[in-house]
Amino acid sequence: MCANIRKNRGFTMIEAIAVLLLLGILSTVIISSYGATETNKLVAEEATLKGHLRFVQLRAMNDQVPWGIAFVANAYTLLRNGVPAPYDLPGADSVVHNLNFHHPGGRYDRHL
């Protein structure tokens, strides 16, 4: 019976190091996946903006009145002849598109 009591004293140093190592690896994976999610949102917004700019360019080339996009804060609006257009942006349900991303640093290194 004395032999069983000695074996149940606690964790060995190797077990404690293994647990800390696993916690470190898991936290690194979780933190890096969060950053990748924010990057993916930014890339998606970039692609949407490029598509909308191409749409406006096509409309402008095939119409007698000017077309454009007006940027205000975190949104932009489709314009036809200086006023909001009577058409929705492609893939949207209005002429206004709100930019849906957040970068905690407030600075983006990727160029549109």
PDB file of N, CA and C in Angstrom:
ATOM      1  N   MET A   1       0.805  -1.179   0.000  1.00  0.00           N
ATOM      2  CA  MET A   1       0.000   0.000   0.000  1.00  0.00           C
ATOM      3  C   MET A   1       0.861   1.261   0.000  1.00  0.00           C
ATOM      4  N   CYS A   2       1.996   1.245   0.653  1.00  0.00           N
ATOM      5  CA  CYS A   2       2.888   2.394   0.657  1.00  0.00           C
ATOM      6  C   CYS A   2       3.412   2.705  -0.726  1.00  0.00           C
ATOM      7  N   ALA A   3       3.585   1.719  -1.546  1.00  0.00           N
ATOM      8  CA  ALA A   3       4.093   1.926  -2.899  1.00  0.00           C
ATOM      9  C   ALA A   3       3.073   2.712  -3.743  1.00  0.00           C
ATOM     10  N   ASN A   4       1.775   2.471  -3.540  1.00  0.00           N
ATOM     11  CA  ASN A   4       0.739   3.201  -4.286  1.00  0.00           C
ATOM     12  C   ASN A   4       0.673   4.664  -3.879  1.00  0.00           C
ATOM     13  N   ILE A   5       0.907   4.989  -2.627  1.00  0.00           N
ATOM     14  CA  ILE A   5       0.848   6.373  -2.154  1.00  0.00           C
ATOM     15  C   ILE A   5       1.985   7.188  -2.770  1.00  0.00           C
ATOM     16  N   ARG A   6       3.148   6.654  -2.892  1.00  0.00           N
ATOM     17  CA  ARG A   6       4.292   7.364  -3.473  1.00  0.00           C
ATOM     18  C   ARG A   6       4.075   7.705  -4.948  1.00  0.00           C
ATOM     19  N   LYS A   7       3.384   6.862  -5.694  1.00  0.00           N
ATOM     20  CA  LYS A   7       3.180   7.096  -7.118  1.00  0.00           C
ATOM     21  C   LYS A   7       2.190   8.238  -7.386  1.00  0.00           C
ATOM     22  N   ASN A   8       1.340   8.595  -6.444  1.00  0.00           N
ATOM     23  CA  ASN A   8       0.311   9.602  -6.657  1.00  0.00           C
ATOM     24  C   ASN A   8       0.672  10.945  -6.022  1.00  0.00           C
ATOM     25  N   ARG A   9       1.897  11.376  -6.091  1.00  0.00           N
ATOM     26  CA  ARG A   9       2.311  12.637  -5.486  1.00  0.00           C
ATOM     27  C   ARG A   9       2.015  13.849  -6.365  1.00  0.00           C
ATOM     28  N   GLY A  10       1.938  13.728  -7.645  1.00  0.00           N
ATOM     29  CA  GLY A  10       1.705  14.864  -8.532  1.00  0.00           C
ATOM     30  C   GLY A  10       2.272  14.588  -9.907  1.00  0.00           C
ATOM     31  N   PHE A  11       2.438  15.667 -10.658  1.00  0.00           N
ATOM     32  CA  PHE A  11       2.949  15.542 -12.013  1.00  0.00           C
ATOM     33  C   PHE A  11       4.467  15.580 -12.009  1.00  0.00           C
ATOM     34  N   THR A  12       5.044  14.892 -12.977  1.00  0.00           N
ATOM     35  CA  THR A  12       6.489  14.969 -13.129  1.00  0.00           C
ATOM     36  C   THR A  12       6.830  16.232 -13.911  1.00  0.00           C
ATOM     37  N   MET A  13       8.060  16.613 -13.912  1.00  0.00           N
ATOM     38  CA  MET A  13       8.508  17.810 -14.628  1.00  0.00           C
ATOM     39  C   MET A  13       8.258  17.664 -16.134  1.00  0.00           C
ATOM     40  N   ILE A  14       8.460  16.471 -16.660  1.00  0.00           N
ATOM     41  CA  ILE A  14       8.246  16.236 -18.097  1.00  0.00           C
ATOM     42  C   ILE A  14       6.769  16.408 -18.440  1.00  0.00           C
ATOM     43  N   GLU A  15       5.873  15.931 -17.607  1.00  0.00           N
ATOM     44  CA  GLU A  15       4.442  16.095 -17.856  1.00  0.00           C
ATOM     45  C   GLU A  15       4.040  17.574 -17.828  1.00  0.00           C
ATOM     46  N   ALA A  16       4.557  18.319 -16.880  1.00  0.00           N
ATOM     47  CA  ALA A  16       4.245  19.744 -16.784  1.00  0.00           C
ATOM     48  C   ALA A  16       4.766  20.506 -18.010  1.00  0.00           C
ATOM     49  N   ILE A  17       5.975  20.182 -18.452  1.00  0.00           N
ATOM     50  CA  ILE A  17       6.544  20.836 -19.638  1.00  0.00           C
ATOM     51  C   ILE A  17       5.729  20.480 -20.877  1.00  0.00           C
ATOM     52  N   ALA A  18       5.298  19.234 -20.993  1.00  0.00           N
ATOM     53  CA  ALA A  18       4.497  18.807 -22.138  1.00  0.00           C
ATOM     54  C   ALA A  18       3.169  19.565 -22.181  1.00  0.00           C
ATOM     55  N   VAL A  19       2.517  19.751 -21.044  1.00  0.00           N
ATOM     56  CA  VAL A  19       1.255  20.482 -20.999  1.00  0.00           C
ATOM     57  C   VAL A  19       1.474  21.939 -21.386  1.00  0.00           C
ATOM     58  N   LEU A  20       2.510  22.571 -20.858  1.00  0.00           N
ATOM     59  CA  LEU A  20       2.797  23.967 -21.208  1.00  0.00           C
ATOM     60  C   LEU A  20       3.121  24.119 -22.690  1.00  0.00           C
ATOM     61  N   LEU A  21       3.846  23.175 -23.224  1.00  0.00           N
ATOM     62  CA  LEU A  21       4.172  23.201 -24.648  1.00  0.00           C
ATOM     63  C   LEU A  21       2.909  23.092 -25.505  1.00  0.00           C
ATOM     64  N   LEU A  22       2.005  22.179 -25.148  1.00  0.00           N
ATOM     65  CA  LEU A  22       0.749  22.045 -25.887  1.00  0.00           C
ATOM     66  C   LEU A  22      -0.105  23.307 -25.777  1.00  0.00           C
ATOM     67  N   LEU A  23      -0.167  23.911 -24.606  1.00  0.00           N
ATOM     68  CA  LEU A  23      -0.915  25.163 -24.447  1.00  0.00           C
ATOM     69  C   LEU A  23      -0.313  26.280 -25.308  1.00  0.00           C
ATOM     70  N   GLY A  24       0.987  26.341 -25.368  1.00  0.00           N
ATOM     71  CA  GLY A  24       1.652  27.341 -26.204  1.00  0.00           C
ATOM     72  C   GLY A  24       1.344  27.150 -27.680  1.00  0.00           C
ATOM     73  N   ILE A  25       1.375  25.914 -28.128  1.00  0.00           N
ATOM     74  CA  ILE A  25       1.083  25.621 -29.536  1.00  0.00           C
ATOM     75  C   ILE A  25      -0.371  25.957 -29.862  1.00  0.00           C
ATOM     76  N   LEU A  26      -1.294  25.566 -29.000  1.00  0.00           N
ATOM     77  CA  LEU A  26      -2.706  25.859 -29.231  1.00  0.00           C
ATOM     78  C   LEU A  26      -2.985  27.361 -29.252  1.00  0.00           C
ATOM     79  N   SER A  27      -2.394  28.099 -28.338  1.00  0.00           N
ATOM     80  CA  SER A  27      -2.629  29.545 -28.318  1.00  0.00           C
ATOM     81  C   SER A  27      -2.040  30.207 -29.565  1.00  0.00           C
ATOM     82  N   THR A  28      -0.918  29.741 -30.044  1.00  0.00           N
ATOM     83  CA  THR A  28      -0.319  30.288 -31.264  1.00  0.00           C
ATOM     84  C   THR A  28      -1.222  30.043 -32.473  1.00  0.00           C
ATOM     85  N   VAL A  29      -1.777  28.851 -32.578  1.00  0.00           N
ATOM     86  CA  VAL A  29      -2.665  28.522 -33.695  1.00  0.00           C
ATOM     87  C   VAL A  29      -3.927  29.373 -33.638  1.00  0.00           C
ATOM     88  N   ILE A  30      -4.504  29.546 -32.465  1.00  0.00           N
ATOM     89  CA  ILE A  30      -5.731  30.333 -32.322  1.00  0.00           C
ATOM     90  C   ILE A  30      -5.479  31.788 -32.667  1.00  0.00           C
ATOM     91  N   ILE A  31      -4.399  32.358 -32.184  1.00  0.00           N
ATOM     92  CA  ILE A  31      -4.084  33.762 -32.458  1.00  0.00           C
ATOM     93  C   ILE A  31      -3.800  33.971 -33.944  1.00  0.00           C
ATOM     94  N   SER A  32      -3.071  33.072 -34.562  1.00  0.00           N
ATOM     95  CA  SER A  32      -2.761  33.239 -35.983  1.00  0.00           C
ATOM     96  C   SER A  32      -3.999  33.066 -36.852  1.00  0.00           C
ATOM     97  N   SER A  33      -4.936  32.213 -36.460  1.00  0.00           N
ATOM     98  CA  SER A  33      -6.156  32.053 -37.249  1.00  0.00           C
ATOM     99  C   SER A  33      -7.034  33.290 -37.150  1.00  0.00           C
ATOM    100  N   TYR A  34      -7.023  33.994 -36.033  1.00  0.00           N
ATOM    101  CA  TYR A  34      -7.776  35.237 -35.912  1.00  0.00           C
ATOM    102  C   TYR A  34      -7.225  36.284 -36.876  1.00  0.00           C
ATOM    103  N   GLY A  35      -5.928  36.413 -36.960  1.00  0.00           N
ATOM    104  CA  GLY A  35      -5.321  37.362 -37.889  1.00  0.00           C
ATOM    105  C   GLY A  35      -5.623  37.014 -39.326  1.00  0.00           C
ATOM    106  N   ALA A  36      -5.670  35.739 -39.656  1.00  0.00           N
ATOM    107  CA  ALA A  36      -5.981  35.313 -41.018  1.00  0.00           C
ATOM    108  C   ALA A  36      -7.420  35.657 -41.375  1.00  0.00           C
ATOM    109  N   THR A  37      -8.325  35.568 -40.409  1.00  0.00           N
ATOM    110  CA  THR A  37      -9.721  35.916 -40.652  1.00  0.00           C
ATOM    111  C   THR A  37      -9.847  37.388 -41.006  1.00  0.00           C
ATOM    112  N   GLU A  38      -9.164  38.252 -40.278  1.00  0.00           N
ATOM    113  CA  GLU A  38      -9.209  39.684 -40.569  1.00  0.00           C
ATOM    114  C   GLU A  38      -8.600  39.979 -41.940  1.00  0.00           C
ATOM    115  N   THR A  39      -7.532  39.288 -42.276  1.00  0.00           N
ATOM    116  CA  THR A  39      -6.912  39.471 -43.595  1.00  0.00           C
ATOM    117  C   THR A  39      -7.861  39.029 -44.692  1.00  0.00           C
ATOM    118  N   ASN A  40      -8.565  37.921 -44.486  1.00  0.00           N
ATOM    119  CA  ASN A  40      -9.523  37.434 -45.480  1.00  0.00           C
ATOM    120  C   ASN A  40     -10.655  38.433 -45.683  1.00  0.00           C
ATOM    121  N   LYS A  41     -11.116  39.069 -44.606  1.00  0.00           N
ATOM    122  CA  LYS A  41     -12.168  40.083 -44.739  1.00  0.00           C
ATOM    123  C   LYS A  41     -11.677  41.259 -45.572  1.00  0.00           C
ATOM    124  N   LEU A  42     -10.451  41.666 -45.341  1.00  0.00           N
ATOM    125  CA  LEU A  42      -9.882  42.785 -46.087  1.00  0.00           C
ATOM    126  C   LEU A  42      -9.733  42.441 -47.566  1.00  0.00           C
ATOM    127  N   VAL A  43      -9.275  41.253 -47.864  1.00  0.00           N
ATOM    128  CA  VAL A  43      -9.117  40.821 -49.258  1.00  0.00           C
ATOM    129  C   VAL A  43     -10.487  40.725 -49.937  1.00  0.00           C
ATOM    130  N   ALA A  44     -11.507  40.261 -49.222  1.00  0.00           N
ATOM    131  CA  ALA A  44     -12.853  40.175 -49.793  1.00  0.00           C
ATOM    132  C   ALA A  44     -13.401  41.568 -50.094  1.00  0.00           C
ATOM    133  N   GLU A  45     -13.194  42.514 -49.194  1.00  0.00           N
ATOM    134  CA  GLU A  45     -13.658  43.885 -49.442  1.00  0.00           C
ATOM    135  C   GLU A  45     -12.917  44.509 -50.617  1.00  0.00           C
ATOM    136  N   GLU A  46     -11.644  44.191 -50.741  1.00  0.00           N
ATOM    137  CA  GLU A  46     -10.859  44.684 -51.876  1.00  0.00           C
ATOM    138  C   GLU A  46     -11.436  44.172 -53.193  1.00  0.00           C
ATOM    139  N   ALA A  47     -11.756  42.891 -53.242  1.00  0.00           N
ATOM    140  CA  ALA A  47     -12.318  42.301 -54.457  1.00  0.00           C
ATOM    141  C   ALA A  47     -13.687  42.903 -54.779  1.00  0.00           C
ATOM    142  N   THR A  48     -14.495  43.138 -53.756  1.00  0.00           N
ATOM    143  CA  THR A  48     -15.810  43.754 -53.967  1.00  0.00           C
ATOM    144  C   THR A  48     -15.660  45.156 -54.530  1.00  0.00           C
ATOM    145  N   LEU A  49     -14.765  45.940 -53.952  1.00  0.00           N
ATOM    146  CA  LEU A  49     -14.540  47.303 -54.430  1.00  0.00           C
ATOM    147  C   LEU A  49     -14.051  47.301 -55.884  1.00  0.00           C
ATOM    148  N   LYS A  50     -13.131  46.409 -56.214  1.00  0.00           N
ATOM    149  CA  LYS A  50     -12.644  46.326 -57.597  1.00  0.00           C
ATOM    150  C   LYS A  50     -13.783  46.001 -58.556  1.00  0.00           C
ATOM    151  N   GLY A  51     -14.652  45.079 -58.169  1.00  0.00           N
ATOM    152  CA  GLY A  51     -15.791  44.726 -59.008  1.00  0.00           C
ATOM    153  C   GLY A  51     -16.739  45.903 -59.203  1.00  0.00           C
ATOM    154  N   HIS A  52     -16.984  46.642 -58.126  1.00  0.00           N
ATOM    155  CA  HIS A  52     -17.867  47.802 -58.228  1.00  0.00           C
ATOM    156  C   HIS A  52     -17.243  48.900 -59.089  1.00  0.00           C
ATOM    157  N   LEU A  53     -15.941  49.092 -58.976  1.00  0.00           N
ATOM    158  CA  LEU A  53     -15.270  50.089 -59.822  1.00  0.00           C
ATOM    159  C   LEU A  53     -15.345  49.695 -61.295  1.00  0.00           C
ATOM    160  N   ARG A  54     -15.183  48.417 -61.584  1.00  0.00           N
ATOM    161  CA  ARG A  54     -15.292  47.954 -62.972  1.00  0.00           C
ATOM    162  C   ARG A  54     -16.717  48.123 -63.501  1.00  0.00           C
ATOM    163  N   PHE A  55     -17.705  47.887 -62.634  1.00  0.00           N
ATOM    164  CA  PHE A  55     -19.097  48.072 -63.006  1.00  0.00           C
ATOM    165  C   PHE A  55     -19.359  49.533 -63.371  1.00  0.00           C
ATOM    166  N   VAL A  56     -18.870  50.455 -62.545  1.00  0.00           N
ATOM    167  CA  VAL A  56     -19.052  51.882 -62.803  1.00  0.00           C
ATOM    168  C   VAL A  56     -18.326  52.283 -64.084  1.00  0.00           C
ATOM    169  N   GLN A  57     -17.144  51.742 -64.299  1.00  0.00           N
ATOM    170  CA  GLN A  57     -16.393  52.047 -65.516  1.00  0.00           C
ATOM    171  C   GLN A  57     -17.175  51.600 -66.758  1.00  0.00           C
ATOM    172  N   LEU A  58     -17.736  50.409 -66.713  1.00  0.00           N
ATOM    173  CA  LEU A  58     -18.528  49.902 -67.839  1.00  0.00           C
ATOM    174  C   LEU A  58     -19.753  50.771 -68.089  1.00  0.00           C
ATOM    175  N   ARG A  59     -20.438  51.133 -67.014  1.00  0.00           N
ATOM    176  CA  ARG A  59     -21.616  51.993 -67.153  1.00  0.00           C
ATOM    177  C   ARG A  59     -21.232  53.341 -67.756  1.00  0.00           C
ATOM    178  N   ALA A  60     -20.121  53.907 -67.308  1.00  0.00           N
ATOM    179  CA  ALA A  60     -19.686  55.219 -67.790  1.00  0.00           C
ATOM    180  C   ALA A  60     -19.330  55.170 -69.271  1.00  0.00           C
ATOM    181  N   MET A  61     -18.764  54.075 -69.721  1.00  0.00           N
ATOM    182  CA  MET A  61     -18.367  53.960 -71.126  1.00  0.00           C
ATOM    183  C   MET A  61     -19.577  53.771 -72.041  1.00  0.00           C
ATOM    184  N   ASN A  62     -20.699  53.298 -71.492  1.00  0.00           N
ATOM    185  CA  ASN A  62     -21.870  53.004 -72.312  1.00  0.00           C
ATOM    186  C   ASN A  62     -23.037  53.961 -72.066  1.00  0.00           C
ATOM    187  N   ASP A  63     -22.792  55.083 -71.418  1.00  0.00           N
ATOM    188  CA  ASP A  63     -23.864  56.020 -71.112  1.00  0.00           C
ATOM    189  C   ASP A  63     -23.413  57.433 -71.465  1.00  0.00           C
ATOM    190  N   GLN A  64     -24.361  58.328 -71.641  1.00  0.00           N
ATOM    191  CA  GLN A  64     -24.044  59.710 -71.997  1.00  0.00           C
ATOM    192  C   GLN A  64     -23.828  60.601 -70.779  1.00  0.00           C
ATOM    193  N   VAL A  65     -24.138  60.106 -69.586  1.00  0.00           N
ATOM    194  CA  VAL A  65     -23.961  60.900 -68.362  1.00  0.00           C
ATOM    195  C   VAL A  65     -22.843  60.282 -67.524  1.00  0.00           C
ATOM    196  N   PRO A  66     -22.188  61.088 -66.695  1.00  0.00           N
ATOM    197  CA  PRO A  66     -21.083  60.566 -65.886  1.00  0.00           C
ATOM    198  C   PRO A  66     -21.554  59.640 -64.760  1.00  0.00           C
ATOM    199  N   TRP A  67     -20.746  58.642 -64.514  1.00  0.00           N
ATOM    200  CA  TRP A  67     -20.957  57.706 -63.409  1.00  0.00           C
ATOM    201  C   TRP A  67     -19.782  57.828 -62.460  1.00  0.00           C
ATOM    202  N   GLY A  68     -19.992  57.462 -61.203  1.00  0.00           N
ATOM    203  CA  GLY A  68     -18.895  57.512 -60.250  1.00  0.00           C
ATOM    204  C   GLY A  68     -19.230  56.802 -58.952  1.00  0.00           C
ATOM    205  N   ILE A  69     -18.270  56.817 -58.065  1.00  0.00           N
ATOM    206  CA  ILE A  69     -18.439  56.281 -56.720  1.00  0.00           C
ATOM    207  C   ILE A  69     -17.948  57.353 -55.757  1.00  0.00           C
ATOM    208  N   ALA A  70     -18.773  57.675 -54.771  1.00  0.00           N
ATOM    209  CA  ALA A  70     -18.411  58.661 -53.746  1.00  0.00           C
ATOM    210  C   ALA A  70     -18.090  57.922 -52.450  1.00  0.00           C
ATOM    211  N   PHE A  71     -16.923  58.195 -51.901  1.00  0.00           N
ATOM    212  CA  PHE A  71     -16.494  57.566 -50.653  1.00  0.00           C
ATOM    213  C   PHE A  71     -16.756  58.518 -49.488  1.00  0.00           C
ATOM    214  N   VAL A  72     -17.405  58.005 -48.451  1.00  0.00           N
ATOM    215  CA  VAL A  72     -17.653  58.767 -47.229  1.00  0.00           C
ATOM    216  C   VAL A  72     -17.414  57.825 -46.053  1.00  0.00           C
ATOM    217  N   ALA A  73     -16.435  58.172 -45.217  1.00  0.00           N
ATOM    218  CA  ALA A  73     -16.093  57.371 -44.026  1.00  0.00           C
ATOM    219  C   ALA A  73     -15.873  55.913 -44.410  1.00  0.00           C
ATOM    220  N   ASN A  74     -16.691  54.995 -43.907  1.00  0.00           N
ATOM    221  CA  ASN A  74     -16.531  53.559 -44.165  1.00  0.00           C
ATOM    222  C   ASN A  74     -17.574  53.031 -45.143  1.00  0.00           C
ATOM    223  N   ALA A  75     -17.957  53.847 -46.110  1.00  0.00           N
ATOM    224  CA  ALA A  75     -18.951  53.424 -47.093  1.00  0.00           C
ATOM    225  C   ALA A  75     -18.708  54.161 -48.405  1.00  0.00           C
ATOM    226  N   TYR A  76     -19.302  53.635 -49.459  1.00  0.00           N
ATOM    227  CA  TYR A  76     -19.272  54.340 -50.732  1.00  0.00           C
ATOM    228  C   TYR A  76     -20.611  54.160 -51.434  1.00  0.00           C
ATOM    229  N   THR A  77     -20.932  55.140 -52.293  1.00  0.00           N
ATOM    230  CA  THR A  77     -22.231  55.200 -52.960  1.00  0.00           C
ATOM    231  C   THR A  77     -22.040  55.254 -54.473  1.00  0.00           C
ATOM    232  N   LEU A  78     -22.861  54.523 -55.192  1.00  0.00           N
ATOM    233  CA  LEU A  78     -22.879  54.547 -56.642  1.00  0.00           C
ATOM    234  C   LEU A  78     -23.601  55.811 -57.098  1.00  0.00           C
ATOM    235  N   LEU A  79     -22.951  56.594 -57.975  1.00  0.00           N
ATOM    236  CA  LEU A  79     -23.527  57.850 -58.462  1.00  0.00           C
ATOM    237  C   LEU A  79     -23.737  57.795 -59.962  1.00  0.00           C
ATOM    238  N   ARG A  80     -24.827  58.407 -60.391  1.00  0.00           N
ATOM    239  CA  ARG A  80     -25.098  58.603 -61.823  1.00  0.00           C
ATOM    240  C   ARG A  80     -25.476  60.058 -61.991  1.00  0.00           C
ATOM    241  N   ASN A  81     -24.673  60.777 -62.745  1.00  0.00           N
ATOM    242  CA  ASN A  81     -24.879  62.200 -62.988  1.00  0.00           C
ATOM    243  C   ASN A  81     -24.843  63.005 -61.679  1.00  0.00           C
ATOM    244  N   GLY A  82     -23.989  62.566 -60.746  1.00  0.00           N
ATOM    245  CA  GLY A  82     -23.774  63.304 -59.505  1.00  0.00           C
ATOM    246  C   GLY A  82     -24.748  63.010 -58.379  1.00  0.00           C
ATOM    247  N   VAL A  83     -25.742  62.167 -58.609  1.00  0.00           N
ATOM    248  CA  VAL A  83     -26.711  61.804 -57.561  1.00  0.00           C
ATOM    249  C   VAL A  83     -26.730  60.280 -57.425  1.00  0.00           C
ATOM    250  N   PRO A  84     -27.236  59.762 -56.291  1.00  0.00           N
ATOM    251  CA  PRO A  84     -27.299  58.301 -56.157  1.00  0.00           C
ATOM    252  C   PRO A  84     -28.038  57.667 -57.330  1.00  0.00           C
ATOM    253  N   ALA A  85     -27.448  56.620 -57.860  1.00  0.00           N
ATOM    254  CA  ALA A  85     -27.961  55.965 -59.061  1.00  0.00           C
ATOM    255  C   ALA A  85     -29.275  55.238 -58.783  1.00  0.00           C
ATOM    256  N   PRO A  86     -30.103  55.077 -59.814  1.00  0.00           N
ATOM    257  CA  PRO A  86     -31.352  54.323 -59.638  1.00  0.00           C
ATOM    258  C   PRO A  86     -31.132  52.804 -59.668  1.00  0.00           C
ATOM    259  N   TYR A  87     -29.898  52.374 -59.766  1.00  0.00           N
ATOM    260  CA  TYR A  87     -29.558  50.953 -59.828  1.00  0.00           C
ATOM    261  C   TYR A  87     -28.758  50.566 -58.587  1.00  0.00           C
ATOM    262  N   ASP A  88     -28.914  49.323 -58.159  1.00  0.00           N
ATOM    263  CA  ASP A  88     -28.129  48.806 -57.035  1.00  0.00           C
ATOM    264  C   ASP A  88     -26.743  48.409 -57.505  1.00  0.00           C
ATOM    265  N   LEU A  89     -25.814  48.405 -56.571  1.00  0.00           N
ATOM    266  CA  LEU A  89     -24.481  47.887 -56.857  1.00  0.00           C
ATOM    267  C   LEU A  89     -24.575  46.384 -57.090  1.00  0.00           C
ATOM    268  N   PRO A  90     -23.737  45.823 -57.951  1.00  0.00           N
ATOM    269  CA  PRO A  90     -23.780  44.375 -58.187  1.00  0.00           C
ATOM    270  C   PRO A  90     -23.553  43.595 -56.888  1.00  0.00           C
ATOM    271  N   GLY A  91     -24.404  42.633 -56.626  1.00  0.00           N
ATOM    272  CA  GLY A  91     -24.282  41.800 -55.432  1.00  0.00           C
ATOM    273  C   GLY A  91     -24.745  42.487 -54.162  1.00  0.00           C
ATOM    274  N   ALA A  92     -25.375  43.658 -54.289  1.00  0.00           N
ATOM    275  CA  ALA A  92     -25.856  44.394 -53.124  1.00  0.00           C
ATOM    276  C   ALA A  92     -27.333  44.709 -53.311  1.00  0.00           C
ATOM    277  N   ASP A  93     -27.974  45.160 -52.245  1.00  0.00           N
ATOM    278  CA  ASP A  93     -29.389  45.502 -52.338  1.00  0.00           C
ATOM    279  C   ASP A  93     -29.627  47.003 -52.250  1.00  0.00           C
ATOM    280  N   SER A  94     -28.578  47.785 -52.479  1.00  0.00           N
ATOM    281  CA  SER A  94     -28.714  49.239 -52.477  1.00  0.00           C
ATOM    282  C   SER A  94     -27.560  49.856 -53.261  1.00  0.00           C
ATOM    283  N   VAL A  95     -27.583  51.188 -53.376  1.00  0.00           N
ATOM    284  CA  VAL A  95     -26.503  51.894 -54.064  1.00  0.00           C
ATOM    285  C   VAL A  95     -25.361  52.219 -53.111  1.00  0.00           C
ATOM    286  N   VAL A  96     -25.541  51.929 -51.825  1.00  0.00           N
ATOM    287  CA  VAL A  96     -24.510  52.194 -50.812  1.00  0.00           C
ATOM    288  C   VAL A  96     -23.914  50.871 -50.356  1.00  0.00           C
ATOM    289  N   HIS A  97     -22.591  50.831 -50.260  1.00  0.00           N
ATOM    290  CA  HIS A  97     -21.905  49.644 -49.740  1.00  0.00           C
ATOM    291  C   HIS A  97     -21.094  50.057 -48.517  1.00  0.00           C
ATOM    292  N   ASN A  98     -21.371  49.413 -47.377  1.00  0.00           N
ATOM    293  CA  ASN A  98     -20.600  49.663 -46.160  1.00  0.00           C
ATOM    294  C   ASN A  98     -19.406  48.730 -46.126  1.00  0.00           C
ATOM    295  N   LEU A  99     -18.248  49.274 -45.845  1.00  0.00           N
ATOM    296  CA  LEU A  99     -17.033  48.465 -45.769  1.00  0.00           C
ATOM    297  C   LEU A  99     -17.058  47.684 -44.462  1.00  0.00           C
ATOM    298  N   ASN A 100     -16.994  46.364 -44.565  1.00  0.00           N
ATOM    299  CA  ASN A 100     -17.140  45.487 -43.402  1.00  0.00           C
ATOM    300  C   ASN A 100     -15.826  44.852 -43.000  1.00  0.00           C
ATOM    301  N   PHE A 101     -14.930  45.640 -42.508  1.00  0.00           N
ATOM    302  CA  PHE A 101     -13.693  45.092 -41.974  1.00  0.00           C
ATOM    303  C   PHE A 101     -13.192  46.030 -40.902  1.00  0.00           C
ATOM    304  N   HIS A 102     -12.342  45.493 -40.053  1.00  0.00           N
ATOM    305  CA  HIS A 102     -11.764  46.295 -38.989  1.00  0.00           C
ATOM    306  C   HIS A 102     -10.309  45.884 -38.833  1.00  0.00           C
ATOM    307  N   HIS A 103      -9.454  46.853 -38.829  1.00  0.00           N
ATOM    308  CA  HIS A 103      -8.034  46.585 -38.618  1.00  0.00           C
ATOM    309  C   HIS A 103      -7.618  47.359 -37.380  1.00  0.00           C
ATOM    310  N   PRO A 104      -7.251  46.664 -36.293  1.00  0.00           N
ATOM    311  CA  PRO A 104      -6.965  47.354 -35.042  1.00  0.00           C
ATOM    312  C   PRO A 104      -5.863  48.401 -35.154  1.00  0.00           C
ATOM    313  N   GLY A 105      -4.919  48.204 -36.045  1.00  0.00           N
ATOM    314  CA  GLY A 105      -3.840  49.166 -36.177  1.00  0.00           C
ATOM    315  C   GLY A 105      -4.249  50.392 -36.973  1.00  0.00           C
ATOM    316  N   GLY A 106      -5.323  50.275 -37.742  1.00  0.00           N
ATOM    317  CA  GLY A 106      -5.801  51.387 -38.537  1.00  0.00           C
ATOM    318  C   GLY A 106      -4.975  51.644 -39.787  1.00  0.00           C
ATOM    319  N   ARG A 107      -4.025  50.801 -40.097  1.00  0.00           N
ATOM    320  CA  ARG A 107      -3.142  50.996 -41.245  1.00  0.00           C
ATOM    321  C   ARG A 107      -3.123  49.716 -42.068  1.00  0.00           C
ATOM    322  N   TYR A 108      -3.186  49.857 -43.372  1.00  0.00           N
ATOM    323  CA  TYR A 108      -3.192  48.692 -44.247  1.00  0.00           C
ATOM    324  C   TYR A 108      -1.966  48.764 -45.155  1.00  0.00           C
ATOM    325  N   ASP A 109      -1.282  47.654 -45.242  1.00  0.00           N
ATOM    326  CA  ASP A 109      -0.097  47.598 -46.090  1.00  0.00           C
ATOM    327  C   ASP A 109      -0.428  47.111 -47.495  1.00  0.00           C
ATOM    328  N   ARG A 110      -1.601  46.556 -47.670  1.00  0.00           N
ATOM    329  CA  ARG A 110      -2.002  46.034 -48.989  1.00  0.00           C
ATOM    330  C   ARG A 110      -2.603  47.172 -49.785  1.00  0.00           C
ATOM    331  N   HIS A 111      -2.161  47.346 -51.017  1.00  0.00           N
ATOM    332  CA  HIS A 111      -2.632  48.424 -51.864  1.00  0.00           C
ATOM    333  C   HIS A 111      -3.745  47.937 -52.765  1.00  0.00           C
ATOM    334  N   LEU A 112      -4.775  48.774 -52.940  1.00  0.00           N
ATOM    335  CA  LEU A 112      -5.914  48.422 -53.812  1.00  0.00           C
ATOM    336  C   LEU A 112      -5.563  48.609 -55.253  1.00  0.00           C
TER     337      LEU A 112
END
